[in-house]
């Protein structure tokens, strides 16, 4: 395990480099936008991401009180940062989209790793199969597989298909129900 925190990149994401090519402000290995999860139990969250999504732990830096002050995992080509919430902080669940090759299998692995279902994997008119799970710390993960490139003319017609509308309503309603269940 590394115990480093990455150096911030220069300001101005997407600046034009002197060569005229578009260049990222992020350091190598990081995207322009990196999710950051504040958790009540970051060690457990790291284990969940490893078991559910095959994450690779990049860093874990202890805080002065023994909590996790900073941690990073890589899932596919993305880095997810996380740290333990401080006493008195409210819960701040994250909402993350994870593209995978097989949404059904990824959702099953997440459930086996301790997640609870939010949305059963459903085919949507724009060419993705989408499912949602809530991890043991309350974060909601959109698990998506892009299964079809849809022609723009077809894309304009698909939402009018009653089955497409029903699928979209289910996906929207299942999230609404899950969010209302967590209201305090």
N, C-alpha and C. Protein backbone atom coordinates (compact mmCIF):
# COMPACT_ATOMS: atom_id res chain seq x y z
N UNK A 1 0.83 -1.18 0.00
CA UNK A 1 0.00 0.00 0.00
C UNK A 1 0.87 1.24 0.00
N UNK A 2 0.49 2.22 -0.76
CA UNK A 2 1.16 3.50 -0.74
C UNK A 2 0.56 4.35 0.36
N UNK A 3 1.32 5.27 0.87
CA UNK A 3 0.76 6.23 1.83
C UNK A 3 1.01 7.63 1.31
N UNK A 4 0.73 7.82 0.04
CA UNK A 4 0.92 9.14 -0.55
C UNK A 4 -0.42 9.75 -0.91
N UNK A 5 -0.43 11.03 -0.93
CA UNK A 5 -1.58 11.75 -1.49
C UNK A 5 -1.09 12.34 -2.80
N UNK A 6 -1.86 12.19 -3.87
CA UNK A 6 -1.39 12.69 -5.15
C UNK A 6 -1.27 14.20 -5.14
N UNK A 7 -0.28 14.67 -5.86
CA UNK A 7 -0.12 16.12 -6.00
C UNK A 7 -1.21 16.64 -6.91
N UNK A 8 -1.78 17.80 -6.57
CA UNK A 8 -2.82 18.35 -7.44
C UNK A 8 -2.22 18.76 -8.76
N UNK A 9 -3.02 18.66 -9.80
CA UNK A 9 -2.58 19.11 -11.11
C UNK A 9 -2.68 20.61 -11.22
N UNK A 10 -2.15 21.18 -12.29
CA UNK A 10 -2.24 22.62 -12.47
C UNK A 10 -3.68 23.06 -12.67
N UNK A 11 -3.96 24.30 -12.36
CA UNK A 11 -5.31 24.83 -12.52
C UNK A 11 -5.67 24.90 -13.99
N UNK A 12 -6.96 24.88 -14.27
CA UNK A 12 -7.43 25.08 -15.64
C UNK A 12 -7.58 23.79 -16.41
N UNK A 13 -8.41 22.89 -15.93
CA UNK A 13 -8.61 21.61 -16.62
C UNK A 13 -8.92 21.84 -18.08
N UNK A 14 -8.28 21.05 -18.92
CA UNK A 14 -8.55 21.12 -20.34
C UNK A 14 -7.88 22.31 -21.02
N UNK A 15 -6.83 22.87 -20.41
CA UNK A 15 -6.13 23.99 -21.03
C UNK A 15 -5.48 23.57 -22.33
N UNK A 16 -5.27 24.51 -23.20
CA UNK A 16 -4.51 24.24 -24.40
C UNK A 16 -3.03 24.24 -24.04
N UNK A 17 -2.34 23.18 -24.32
CA UNK A 17 -0.90 23.12 -24.08
C UNK A 17 -0.19 23.93 -25.16
N UNK A 18 1.09 24.23 -24.91
CA UNK A 18 1.85 25.05 -25.86
C UNK A 18 1.95 24.38 -27.22
N UNK A 19 1.76 23.07 -27.28
CA UNK A 19 1.82 22.36 -28.56
C UNK A 19 0.52 22.49 -29.34
N UNK A 20 -0.51 23.10 -28.70
CA UNK A 20 -1.79 23.23 -29.37
C UNK A 20 -2.71 22.05 -29.12
N UNK A 21 -2.22 21.00 -28.44
CA UNK A 21 -3.05 19.84 -28.12
C UNK A 21 -3.75 20.06 -26.80
N UNK A 22 -4.94 19.52 -26.70
CA UNK A 22 -5.70 19.62 -25.45
C UNK A 22 -5.01 18.72 -24.42
N UNK A 23 -4.80 19.24 -23.22
CA UNK A 23 -4.07 18.52 -22.20
C UNK A 23 -4.91 18.50 -20.93
N UNK A 24 -4.85 17.45 -20.15
CA UNK A 24 -5.59 17.37 -18.90
C UNK A 24 -4.80 18.02 -17.78
N UNK A 25 -5.50 18.69 -16.89
CA UNK A 25 -4.87 19.27 -15.71
C UNK A 25 -4.61 18.21 -14.64
N UNK A 26 -5.23 17.05 -14.78
CA UNK A 26 -5.08 15.98 -13.78
C UNK A 26 -3.73 15.29 -13.94
N UNK A 27 -3.16 14.83 -12.82
CA UNK A 27 -1.92 14.07 -12.92
C UNK A 27 -2.16 12.74 -13.63
N UNK A 28 -1.11 12.13 -14.15
CA UNK A 28 -1.27 10.83 -14.83
C UNK A 28 -1.97 9.81 -13.94
N UNK A 29 -2.91 9.08 -14.52
CA UNK A 29 -3.65 8.05 -13.80
C UNK A 29 -4.94 8.54 -13.17
N UNK A 30 -5.20 9.85 -13.25
CA UNK A 30 -6.41 10.43 -12.67
C UNK A 30 -7.23 11.09 -13.77
N UNK A 31 -8.55 11.13 -13.57
CA UNK A 31 -9.42 11.82 -14.50
C UNK A 31 -9.59 13.27 -14.08
N UNK A 32 -10.18 14.05 -14.94
CA UNK A 32 -10.43 15.45 -14.63
C UNK A 32 -11.37 15.59 -13.44
N UNK A 33 -12.34 14.68 -13.32
CA UNK A 33 -13.25 14.66 -12.17
C UNK A 33 -13.03 13.33 -11.46
N UNK A 34 -12.80 13.41 -10.15
CA UNK A 34 -12.57 12.21 -9.35
C UNK A 34 -13.57 12.19 -8.20
N UNK A 35 -14.38 11.13 -8.09
CA UNK A 35 -15.33 11.07 -6.97
C UNK A 35 -14.60 10.92 -5.64
N UNK A 36 -15.20 11.51 -4.61
CA UNK A 36 -14.65 11.44 -3.26
C UNK A 36 -15.79 11.04 -2.34
N UNK A 37 -15.64 9.92 -1.64
CA UNK A 37 -16.69 9.41 -0.77
C UNK A 37 -16.27 9.62 0.69
N UNK A 38 -17.16 10.25 1.45
CA UNK A 38 -16.96 10.40 2.88
C UNK A 38 -17.79 9.31 3.54
N UNK A 39 -17.13 8.46 4.34
CA UNK A 39 -17.76 7.24 4.83
C UNK A 39 -17.65 7.12 6.34
N UNK A 40 -18.58 6.41 6.94
CA UNK A 40 -18.50 6.10 8.37
C UNK A 40 -17.50 4.97 8.64
N UNK A 41 -17.16 4.19 7.61
CA UNK A 41 -16.25 3.05 7.78
C UNK A 41 -15.53 2.81 6.46
N UNK A 42 -14.51 3.61 6.20
CA UNK A 42 -13.80 3.55 4.92
C UNK A 42 -13.11 2.21 4.72
N UNK A 43 -12.60 1.60 5.76
CA UNK A 43 -11.97 0.28 5.60
C UNK A 43 -12.99 -0.72 5.04
N UNK A 44 -14.19 -0.69 5.56
CA UNK A 44 -15.25 -1.59 5.06
C UNK A 44 -15.62 -1.24 3.62
N UNK A 45 -15.67 0.06 3.30
CA UNK A 45 -15.97 0.49 1.93
C UNK A 45 -14.90 0.01 0.96
N UNK A 46 -13.64 0.09 1.36
CA UNK A 46 -12.55 -0.41 0.51
C UNK A 46 -12.74 -1.90 0.26
N UNK A 47 -13.00 -2.66 1.31
CA UNK A 47 -13.22 -4.11 1.15
C UNK A 47 -14.41 -4.38 0.22
N UNK A 48 -15.50 -3.62 0.39
CA UNK A 48 -16.66 -3.80 -0.48
C UNK A 48 -16.28 -3.56 -1.94
N UNK A 49 -15.57 -2.47 -2.23
CA UNK A 49 -15.23 -2.18 -3.63
C UNK A 49 -14.31 -3.25 -4.21
N UNK A 50 -13.45 -3.81 -3.40
CA UNK A 50 -12.59 -4.91 -3.87
C UNK A 50 -13.44 -6.14 -4.21
N UNK A 51 -14.32 -6.52 -3.28
CA UNK A 51 -15.14 -7.73 -3.47
C UNK A 51 -16.16 -7.56 -4.59
N UNK A 52 -16.81 -6.40 -4.65
CA UNK A 52 -17.90 -6.20 -5.60
C UNK A 52 -17.41 -5.83 -6.98
N UNK A 53 -16.40 -4.97 -7.06
CA UNK A 53 -16.02 -4.38 -8.35
C UNK A 53 -14.58 -4.64 -8.76
N UNK A 54 -13.86 -5.48 -7.99
CA UNK A 54 -12.48 -5.77 -8.34
C UNK A 54 -11.55 -4.58 -8.17
N UNK A 55 -11.88 -3.67 -7.25
CA UNK A 55 -11.05 -2.49 -7.03
C UNK A 55 -9.66 -2.90 -6.56
N UNK A 56 -8.70 -2.05 -6.88
CA UNK A 56 -7.32 -2.22 -6.41
C UNK A 56 -7.02 -1.04 -5.50
N UNK A 57 -6.61 -1.33 -4.28
CA UNK A 57 -6.29 -0.27 -3.33
C UNK A 57 -4.99 0.41 -3.74
N UNK A 58 -5.02 1.73 -3.83
CA UNK A 58 -3.84 2.51 -4.21
C UNK A 58 -3.19 3.17 -3.01
N UNK A 59 -3.98 3.62 -2.05
CA UNK A 59 -3.44 4.36 -0.91
C UNK A 59 -4.38 4.25 0.27
N UNK A 60 -3.79 4.26 1.46
CA UNK A 60 -4.55 4.33 2.71
C UNK A 60 -3.67 5.07 3.70
N UNK A 61 -4.09 6.26 4.07
CA UNK A 61 -3.30 7.11 4.96
C UNK A 61 -4.06 7.27 6.27
N UNK A 62 -3.46 6.82 7.38
CA UNK A 62 -4.17 6.97 8.65
C UNK A 62 -4.18 8.42 9.12
N UNK A 63 -5.30 8.79 9.74
CA UNK A 63 -5.39 10.10 10.38
C UNK A 63 -4.75 10.03 11.75
N UNK A 64 -4.54 11.17 12.39
CA UNK A 64 -3.89 11.20 13.71
C UNK A 64 -4.66 10.42 14.78
N UNK A 65 -5.97 10.27 14.59
CA UNK A 65 -6.79 9.57 15.57
C UNK A 65 -6.99 8.10 15.23
N UNK A 66 -6.32 7.60 14.19
CA UNK A 66 -6.46 6.21 13.77
C UNK A 66 -7.50 5.98 12.71
N UNK A 67 -8.29 7.00 12.41
CA UNK A 67 -9.26 6.88 11.31
C UNK A 67 -8.51 6.89 9.99
N UNK A 68 -9.24 6.65 8.91
CA UNK A 68 -8.61 6.75 7.59
C UNK A 68 -8.77 8.19 7.13
N UNK A 69 -7.64 8.88 7.02
CA UNK A 69 -7.63 10.27 6.62
C UNK A 69 -7.69 10.46 5.12
N UNK A 70 -7.24 9.46 4.38
CA UNK A 70 -7.29 9.50 2.91
C UNK A 70 -7.07 8.08 2.39
N UNK A 71 -7.84 7.71 1.39
CA UNK A 71 -7.67 6.41 0.74
C UNK A 71 -8.06 6.55 -0.71
N UNK A 72 -7.49 5.68 -1.54
CA UNK A 72 -7.83 5.66 -2.96
C UNK A 72 -7.91 4.22 -3.43
N UNK A 73 -8.88 3.96 -4.29
CA UNK A 73 -8.97 2.68 -4.99
C UNK A 73 -9.11 2.98 -6.48
N UNK A 74 -8.67 2.04 -7.28
CA UNK A 74 -8.87 2.14 -8.72
C UNK A 74 -9.87 1.06 -9.12
N UNK A 75 -10.93 1.49 -9.80
CA UNK A 75 -11.92 0.58 -10.36
C UNK A 75 -11.86 0.80 -11.86
N UNK A 76 -11.42 -0.20 -12.59
CA UNK A 76 -11.24 -0.03 -14.03
C UNK A 76 -10.21 1.05 -14.27
N UNK A 77 -10.59 2.08 -15.02
CA UNK A 77 -9.65 3.16 -15.33
C UNK A 77 -9.88 4.39 -14.46
N UNK A 78 -10.66 4.26 -13.38
CA UNK A 78 -11.01 5.42 -12.56
C UNK A 78 -10.52 5.26 -11.12
N UNK A 79 -10.13 6.39 -10.54
CA UNK A 79 -9.75 6.44 -9.14
C UNK A 79 -10.94 6.97 -8.35
N UNK A 80 -11.23 6.32 -7.23
CA UNK A 80 -12.25 6.79 -6.29
C UNK A 80 -11.51 7.07 -4.98
N UNK A 81 -11.64 8.30 -4.48
CA UNK A 81 -11.01 8.68 -3.22
C UNK A 81 -12.05 8.59 -2.11
N UNK A 82 -11.57 8.39 -0.88
CA UNK A 82 -12.48 8.25 0.26
C UNK A 82 -11.74 8.54 1.55
N UNK A 83 -12.51 8.90 2.57
CA UNK A 83 -11.95 9.04 3.91
C UNK A 83 -13.07 8.92 4.93
N UNK A 84 -12.69 8.69 6.19
CA UNK A 84 -13.66 8.54 7.27
C UNK A 84 -14.27 9.89 7.65
N UNK A 85 -15.58 9.90 7.84
CA UNK A 85 -16.28 11.09 8.30
C UNK A 85 -15.83 11.42 9.72
N UNK A 86 -15.88 12.67 10.04
CA UNK A 86 -15.54 13.12 11.38
C UNK A 86 -16.79 13.07 12.27
N UNK A 87 -16.56 12.97 13.57
CA UNK A 87 -17.68 13.00 14.52
C UNK A 87 -18.50 14.26 14.31
N UNK A 88 -19.81 14.10 14.32
CA UNK A 88 -20.70 15.24 14.18
C UNK A 88 -21.04 15.60 12.74
N UNK A 89 -20.37 14.98 11.76
CA UNK A 89 -20.69 15.26 10.36
C UNK A 89 -21.93 14.47 9.96
N UNK A 90 -22.78 15.04 9.11
CA UNK A 90 -23.95 14.28 8.63
C UNK A 90 -23.51 13.23 7.61
N UNK A 91 -24.32 12.21 7.44
CA UNK A 91 -24.07 11.24 6.38
C UNK A 91 -24.19 11.95 5.03
N UNK A 92 -23.29 11.63 4.13
CA UNK A 92 -23.30 12.22 2.79
C UNK A 92 -23.10 11.11 1.76
N UNK A 93 -24.14 10.32 1.50
CA UNK A 93 -23.96 9.22 0.56
C UNK A 93 -23.61 9.73 -0.84
N UNK A 94 -22.79 8.94 -1.51
CA UNK A 94 -22.37 9.26 -2.87
C UNK A 94 -23.27 8.53 -3.86
N UNK A 95 -23.31 9.05 -5.07
CA UNK A 95 -24.04 8.44 -6.18
C UNK A 95 -23.03 8.29 -7.31
N UNK A 96 -22.76 7.04 -7.69
CA UNK A 96 -21.70 6.78 -8.65
C UNK A 96 -22.20 5.90 -9.79
N UNK A 97 -21.74 6.19 -10.99
CA UNK A 97 -22.06 5.34 -12.15
C UNK A 97 -20.81 4.53 -12.48
N UNK A 98 -21.01 3.23 -12.62
CA UNK A 98 -19.92 2.31 -12.93
C UNK A 98 -20.27 1.56 -14.21
N UNK A 99 -19.51 1.81 -15.27
CA UNK A 99 -19.72 1.07 -16.51
C UNK A 99 -18.97 -0.25 -16.44
N UNK A 100 -19.65 -1.32 -16.80
CA UNK A 100 -19.11 -2.67 -16.77
C UNK A 100 -19.49 -3.38 -18.07
N UNK A 101 -18.88 -4.51 -18.33
CA UNK A 101 -19.24 -5.26 -19.53
C UNK A 101 -20.51 -6.08 -19.34
N UNK A 102 -20.81 -6.48 -18.10
CA UNK A 102 -21.99 -7.29 -17.81
C UNK A 102 -22.66 -6.77 -16.55
N UNK A 103 -23.70 -5.96 -16.71
CA UNK A 103 -24.38 -5.34 -15.57
C UNK A 103 -25.02 -6.38 -14.66
N UNK A 104 -25.58 -7.43 -15.24
CA UNK A 104 -26.23 -8.46 -14.42
C UNK A 104 -25.23 -9.13 -13.48
N UNK A 105 -24.08 -9.54 -14.03
CA UNK A 105 -23.06 -10.21 -13.22
C UNK A 105 -22.48 -9.25 -12.18
N UNK A 106 -22.25 -7.99 -12.56
CA UNK A 106 -21.68 -7.02 -11.62
C UNK A 106 -22.65 -6.75 -10.47
N UNK A 107 -23.93 -6.64 -10.77
CA UNK A 107 -24.92 -6.45 -9.70
C UNK A 107 -24.95 -7.66 -8.77
N UNK A 108 -24.87 -8.85 -9.32
CA UNK A 108 -24.87 -10.05 -8.49
C UNK A 108 -23.65 -10.10 -7.58
N UNK A 109 -22.46 -9.72 -8.10
CA UNK A 109 -21.25 -9.68 -7.27
C UNK A 109 -21.42 -8.65 -6.15
N UNK A 110 -22.00 -7.49 -6.47
CA UNK A 110 -22.20 -6.46 -5.45
C UNK A 110 -23.17 -6.94 -4.37
N UNK A 111 -24.23 -7.62 -4.76
CA UNK A 111 -25.18 -8.16 -3.78
C UNK A 111 -24.50 -9.20 -2.90
N UNK A 112 -23.69 -10.06 -3.51
CA UNK A 112 -22.97 -11.07 -2.74
C UNK A 112 -21.97 -10.43 -1.77
N UNK A 113 -21.48 -9.24 -2.11
CA UNK A 113 -20.51 -8.54 -1.26
C UNK A 113 -21.19 -7.71 -0.17
N UNK A 114 -22.53 -7.76 -0.10
CA UNK A 114 -23.23 -7.08 0.99
C UNK A 114 -24.11 -5.92 0.59
N UNK A 115 -24.22 -5.62 -0.71
CA UNK A 115 -25.09 -4.54 -1.16
C UNK A 115 -26.55 -4.96 -1.06
N UNK A 116 -27.44 -3.98 -1.12
CA UNK A 116 -28.87 -4.25 -1.21
C UNK A 116 -29.37 -3.73 -2.55
N UNK A 117 -30.35 -4.41 -3.14
CA UNK A 117 -30.83 -3.99 -4.45
C UNK A 117 -31.64 -2.69 -4.37
N UNK A 118 -31.49 -1.87 -5.39
CA UNK A 118 -32.29 -0.66 -5.55
C UNK A 118 -33.11 -0.79 -6.83
N UNK A 119 -32.45 -1.14 -7.92
CA UNK A 119 -33.10 -1.26 -9.23
C UNK A 119 -32.59 -2.53 -9.89
N UNK A 120 -33.48 -3.43 -10.24
CA UNK A 120 -33.10 -4.62 -11.00
C UNK A 120 -32.58 -4.18 -12.36
N UNK A 121 -31.55 -4.86 -12.85
CA UNK A 121 -30.97 -4.49 -14.15
C UNK A 121 -32.07 -4.48 -15.21
N UNK A 122 -32.15 -3.36 -15.91
CA UNK A 122 -33.23 -3.11 -16.87
C UNK A 122 -32.64 -2.53 -18.15
N UNK A 123 -33.09 -3.02 -19.29
CA UNK A 123 -32.67 -2.46 -20.57
C UNK A 123 -33.40 -1.15 -20.84
N UNK A 124 -32.65 -0.12 -21.21
CA UNK A 124 -33.25 1.19 -21.49
C UNK A 124 -33.05 1.55 -22.96
N UNK A 125 -33.91 2.44 -23.45
CA UNK A 125 -34.00 2.73 -24.88
C UNK A 125 -32.73 3.30 -25.49
N UNK A 126 -31.85 3.86 -24.70
CA UNK A 126 -30.65 4.50 -25.24
C UNK A 126 -29.48 3.55 -25.41
N UNK A 127 -29.71 2.25 -25.13
CA UNK A 127 -28.70 1.24 -25.42
C UNK A 127 -27.92 0.73 -24.23
N UNK A 128 -28.33 1.09 -23.01
CA UNK A 128 -27.65 0.61 -21.81
C UNK A 128 -28.57 -0.30 -21.01
N UNK A 129 -27.95 -1.26 -20.30
CA UNK A 129 -28.64 -2.03 -19.28
C UNK A 129 -28.19 -1.44 -17.95
N UNK A 130 -29.16 -1.05 -17.12
CA UNK A 130 -28.88 -0.29 -15.91
C UNK A 130 -29.47 -0.98 -14.70
N UNK A 131 -28.67 -1.11 -13.66
CA UNK A 131 -29.14 -1.59 -12.36
C UNK A 131 -28.55 -0.69 -11.29
N UNK A 132 -29.15 -0.72 -10.11
CA UNK A 132 -28.61 0.09 -9.01
C UNK A 132 -28.56 -0.77 -7.75
N UNK A 133 -27.50 -0.51 -6.97
CA UNK A 133 -27.38 -1.16 -5.66
C UNK A 133 -26.99 -0.09 -4.64
N UNK A 134 -27.28 -0.38 -3.38
CA UNK A 134 -26.82 0.46 -2.28
C UNK A 134 -25.76 -0.35 -1.54
N UNK A 135 -24.56 0.21 -1.41
CA UNK A 135 -23.50 -0.51 -0.71
C UNK A 135 -23.77 -0.47 0.80
N UNK A 136 -23.02 -1.26 1.59
CA UNK A 136 -23.29 -1.32 3.03
C UNK A 136 -23.14 0.01 3.77
N UNK A 137 -22.52 1.01 3.15
CA UNK A 137 -22.35 2.32 3.78
C UNK A 137 -23.35 3.35 3.28
N UNK A 138 -24.30 2.93 2.41
CA UNK A 138 -25.36 3.82 1.98
C UNK A 138 -25.16 4.51 0.64
N UNK A 139 -24.02 4.29 -0.02
CA UNK A 139 -23.78 4.89 -1.33
C UNK A 139 -24.56 4.13 -2.39
N UNK A 140 -25.05 4.83 -3.39
CA UNK A 140 -25.80 4.18 -4.46
C UNK A 140 -24.94 4.16 -5.71
N UNK A 141 -24.83 2.98 -6.29
CA UNK A 141 -24.03 2.74 -7.49
C UNK A 141 -24.95 2.42 -8.65
N UNK A 142 -24.87 3.18 -9.73
CA UNK A 142 -25.53 2.86 -10.99
C UNK A 142 -24.58 1.91 -11.68
N UNK A 143 -25.01 0.71 -11.97
CA UNK A 143 -24.15 -0.27 -12.65
C UNK A 143 -24.71 -0.42 -14.05
N UNK A 144 -23.92 -0.01 -15.04
CA UNK A 144 -24.41 0.07 -16.41
C UNK A 144 -23.49 -0.66 -17.37
N UNK A 145 -24.12 -1.30 -18.33
CA UNK A 145 -23.41 -1.91 -19.45
C UNK A 145 -23.96 -1.29 -20.73
N UNK A 146 -23.08 -0.74 -21.54
CA UNK A 146 -23.51 -0.20 -22.83
C UNK A 146 -23.55 -1.38 -23.80
N UNK A 147 -24.74 -1.72 -24.26
CA UNK A 147 -24.91 -2.92 -25.07
C UNK A 147 -25.24 -2.63 -26.52
N UNK A 148 -25.55 -1.36 -26.81
CA UNK A 148 -25.97 -1.04 -28.17
C UNK A 148 -25.72 0.44 -28.47
N UNK A 149 -25.12 0.70 -29.62
CA UNK A 149 -25.04 2.07 -30.13
C UNK A 149 -26.31 2.31 -30.93
N UNK A 150 -27.09 3.28 -30.50
CA UNK A 150 -28.39 3.52 -31.11
C UNK A 150 -28.27 4.66 -32.12
N UNK A 151 -28.74 4.42 -33.32
CA UNK A 151 -28.77 5.42 -34.37
C UNK A 151 -29.63 6.61 -33.90
N UNK A 152 -29.19 7.85 -34.16
CA UNK A 152 -29.96 9.02 -33.70
C UNK A 152 -31.42 9.02 -34.14
N UNK A 153 -31.71 8.59 -35.34
CA UNK A 153 -33.11 8.57 -35.79
C UNK A 153 -33.92 7.57 -34.96
N UNK A 154 -33.33 6.41 -34.68
CA UNK A 154 -33.99 5.41 -33.85
C UNK A 154 -34.13 5.92 -32.41
N UNK A 155 -33.10 6.63 -31.92
CA UNK A 155 -33.13 7.17 -30.56
C UNK A 155 -34.31 8.13 -30.39
N UNK A 156 -34.63 8.88 -31.42
CA UNK A 156 -35.75 9.82 -31.35
C UNK A 156 -37.09 9.11 -31.26
N UNK A 157 -37.17 7.89 -31.79
CA UNK A 157 -38.44 7.15 -31.80
C UNK A 157 -38.62 6.24 -30.59
N UNK A 158 -37.55 5.69 -30.07
CA UNK A 158 -37.65 4.69 -29.00
C UNK A 158 -38.41 5.15 -27.76
N UNK A 159 -38.26 6.39 -27.30
CA UNK A 159 -39.00 6.78 -26.08
C UNK A 159 -40.52 6.70 -26.24
N UNK A 160 -41.01 6.67 -27.46
CA UNK A 160 -42.46 6.59 -27.70
C UNK A 160 -43.00 5.17 -27.58
N UNK A 161 -42.12 4.19 -27.56
CA UNK A 161 -42.52 2.79 -27.40
C UNK A 161 -43.01 2.61 -25.95
N UNK A 162 -44.22 2.08 -25.75
CA UNK A 162 -44.74 1.91 -24.39
C UNK A 162 -43.81 1.10 -23.48
N UNK A 163 -43.16 0.08 -24.00
CA UNK A 163 -42.25 -0.73 -23.18
C UNK A 163 -41.06 0.11 -22.71
N UNK A 164 -40.56 0.98 -23.58
CA UNK A 164 -39.44 1.85 -23.22
C UNK A 164 -39.87 2.81 -22.11
N UNK A 165 -41.07 3.35 -22.23
CA UNK A 165 -41.58 4.24 -21.20
C UNK A 165 -41.77 3.53 -19.87
N UNK A 166 -42.26 2.31 -19.93
CA UNK A 166 -42.46 1.52 -18.71
C UNK A 166 -41.13 1.23 -18.03
N UNK A 167 -40.11 0.85 -18.81
CA UNK A 167 -38.78 0.57 -18.24
C UNK A 167 -38.20 1.82 -17.59
N UNK A 168 -38.32 2.94 -18.25
CA UNK A 168 -37.78 4.19 -17.70
C UNK A 168 -38.52 4.58 -16.41
N UNK A 169 -39.83 4.43 -16.40
CA UNK A 169 -40.61 4.72 -15.19
C UNK A 169 -40.17 3.83 -14.03
N UNK A 170 -39.95 2.54 -14.31
CA UNK A 170 -39.49 1.63 -13.25
C UNK A 170 -38.16 2.10 -12.68
N UNK A 171 -37.21 2.44 -13.56
CA UNK A 171 -35.89 2.86 -13.11
C UNK A 171 -36.00 4.13 -12.27
N UNK A 172 -36.81 5.08 -12.69
CA UNK A 172 -36.99 6.32 -11.93
C UNK A 172 -37.70 6.05 -10.60
N UNK A 173 -38.74 5.24 -10.62
CA UNK A 173 -39.53 4.96 -9.42
C UNK A 173 -38.72 4.18 -8.39
N UNK A 174 -37.91 3.22 -8.83
CA UNK A 174 -37.13 2.42 -7.88
C UNK A 174 -36.14 3.29 -7.12
N UNK A 175 -35.53 4.27 -7.80
CA UNK A 175 -34.62 5.18 -7.11
C UNK A 175 -35.40 6.07 -6.14
N UNK A 176 -36.52 6.58 -6.58
CA UNK A 176 -37.34 7.43 -5.71
C UNK A 176 -37.72 6.68 -4.44
N UNK A 177 -38.15 5.44 -4.56
CA UNK A 177 -38.54 4.64 -3.41
C UNK A 177 -37.35 4.42 -2.48
N UNK A 178 -36.18 4.11 -3.05
CA UNK A 178 -34.98 3.87 -2.22
C UNK A 178 -34.58 5.14 -1.48
N UNK A 179 -34.69 6.27 -2.13
CA UNK A 179 -34.31 7.53 -1.48
C UNK A 179 -35.29 7.88 -0.37
N UNK A 180 -36.56 7.62 -0.58
CA UNK A 180 -37.54 7.94 0.45
C UNK A 180 -37.39 7.02 1.66
N UNK A 181 -36.90 5.80 1.46
CA UNK A 181 -36.68 4.87 2.56
C UNK A 181 -35.58 5.36 3.48
N UNK A 182 -34.65 6.17 2.97
CA UNK A 182 -33.52 6.63 3.80
C UNK A 182 -33.80 7.94 4.49
N UNK A 183 -34.96 8.56 4.25
CA UNK A 183 -35.29 9.81 4.91
C UNK A 183 -35.35 9.63 6.40
N UNK A 184 -34.82 10.60 7.11
CA UNK A 184 -34.85 10.50 8.58
C UNK A 184 -35.92 11.39 9.14
